C-alpha atoms as a PDB file:
ATOM      1  CA  MET A   1      -0.523 -51.902 -12.470  1.00  0.00           C
ATOM      2  CA  PHE A   2      -1.000 -54.512  -9.672  1.00  0.00           C
ATOM      3  CA  THR A   3      -4.002 -55.644  -7.842  1.00  0.00           C
ATOM      4  CA  GLU A   4      -3.768 -55.861  -4.002  1.00  0.00           C
ATOM      5  CA  LYS A   5      -4.000 -59.679  -4.309  1.00  0.00           C
ATOM      6  CA  GLU A   6      -1.024 -59.761  -6.687  1.00  0.00           C
ATOM      7  CA  LEU A   7       1.030 -57.583  -4.371  1.00  0.00           C
ATOM      8  CA  LYS A   8       0.167 -59.804  -1.423  1.00  0.00           C
ATOM      9  CA  GLU A   9       0.676 -63.200  -3.107  1.00  0.00           C
ATOM     10  CA  GLU A  10       3.356 -62.496  -5.819  1.00  0.00           C
ATOM     11  CA  TYR A  11       5.201 -59.237  -5.236  1.00  0.00           C
ATOM     12  CA  HIS A  12       5.525 -59.147  -1.473  1.00  0.00           C
ATOM     13  CA  THR A  13       9.242 -58.288  -1.578  1.00  0.00           C
ATOM     14  CA  VAL A  14      11.031 -55.364  -3.027  1.00  0.00           C
ATOM     15  CA  GLU A  15      13.199 -57.774  -5.089  1.00  0.00           C
ATOM     16  CA  LYS A  16      10.187 -59.415  -6.696  1.00  0.00           C
ATOM     17  CA  LEU A  17       8.612 -56.047  -7.380  1.00  0.00           C
ATOM     18  CA  ILE A  18      11.579 -54.336  -8.976  1.00  0.00           C
ATOM     19  CA  ASN A  19      12.302 -57.436 -11.192  1.00  0.00           C
ATOM     20  CA  HIS A  20       8.849 -57.270 -12.804  1.00  0.00           C
ATOM     21  CA  GLU A  21       9.283 -56.220 -16.516  1.00  0.00           C
ATOM     22  CA  GLU A  22       6.888 -53.183 -16.259  1.00  0.00           C
ATOM     23  CA  MET A  23       8.382 -51.969 -13.057  1.00  0.00           C
ATOM     24  CA  GLU A  24      11.906 -52.222 -14.566  1.00  0.00           C
ATOM     25  CA  LYS A  25      10.660 -49.927 -17.388  1.00  0.00           C
ATOM     26  CA  PHE A  26       9.186 -47.510 -14.915  1.00  0.00           C
ATOM     27  CA  ILE A  27      12.188 -47.466 -12.620  1.00  0.00           C
ATOM     28  CA  LYS A  28      14.456 -46.787 -15.623  1.00  0.00           C
ATOM     29  CA  TRP A  29      12.197 -43.966 -16.835  1.00  0.00           C
ATOM     30  CA  VAL A  30      11.838 -42.224 -13.490  1.00  0.00           C
ATOM     31  CA  SER A  31      15.613 -42.580 -12.821  1.00  0.00           C
ATOM     32  CA  LYS A  32      16.316 -40.260 -15.774  1.00  0.00           C
ATOM     33  CA  LYS A  33      14.149 -37.521 -14.331  1.00  0.00           C
ATOM     34  CA  GLY A  34      15.762 -34.709 -12.458  1.00  0.00           C
ATOM     35  CA  SER A  35      15.426 -34.434  -8.615  1.00  0.00           C
ATOM     36  CA  ASP A  36      13.066 -31.388  -9.232  1.00  0.00           C
ATOM     37  CA  PHE A  37      10.746 -33.460 -11.418  1.00  0.00           C
ATOM     38  CA  TYR A  38       7.215 -33.568 -10.146  1.00  0.00           C
ATOM     39  CA  ARG A  39       4.100 -34.336 -12.256  1.00  0.00           C
ATOM     40  CA  ARG A  40       0.735 -33.485 -10.840  1.00  0.00           C
ATOM     41  CA  ASN A  41      -2.337 -35.450 -11.809  1.00  0.00           C
ATOM     42  CA  LYS A  42      -4.891 -33.402 -13.616  1.00  0.00           C
ATOM     43  CA  ARG A  43      -8.188 -33.085 -11.768  1.00  0.00           C
ATOM     44  CA  LYS A  44     -11.532 -32.710 -13.383  1.00  0.00           C
ATOM     45  CA  LYS A  45     -13.487 -29.635 -12.526  1.00  0.00           C
ATOM     46  CA  ASN A  46     -16.782 -30.348 -10.993  1.00  0.00           C
ATOM     47  CA  ILE A  47     -19.429 -28.150 -12.452  1.00  0.00           C
END
């Protein structure tokens, strides 16, 4: 979502980060999940 440069130069505080439009959407989405919610990333099987 963000590059390291963007995080360093533009979103270096929690307030700036959580006020970003896409982060607001993510925070709203994840806040609706239960405390037992955990979604693992799928890994490719190396053949």
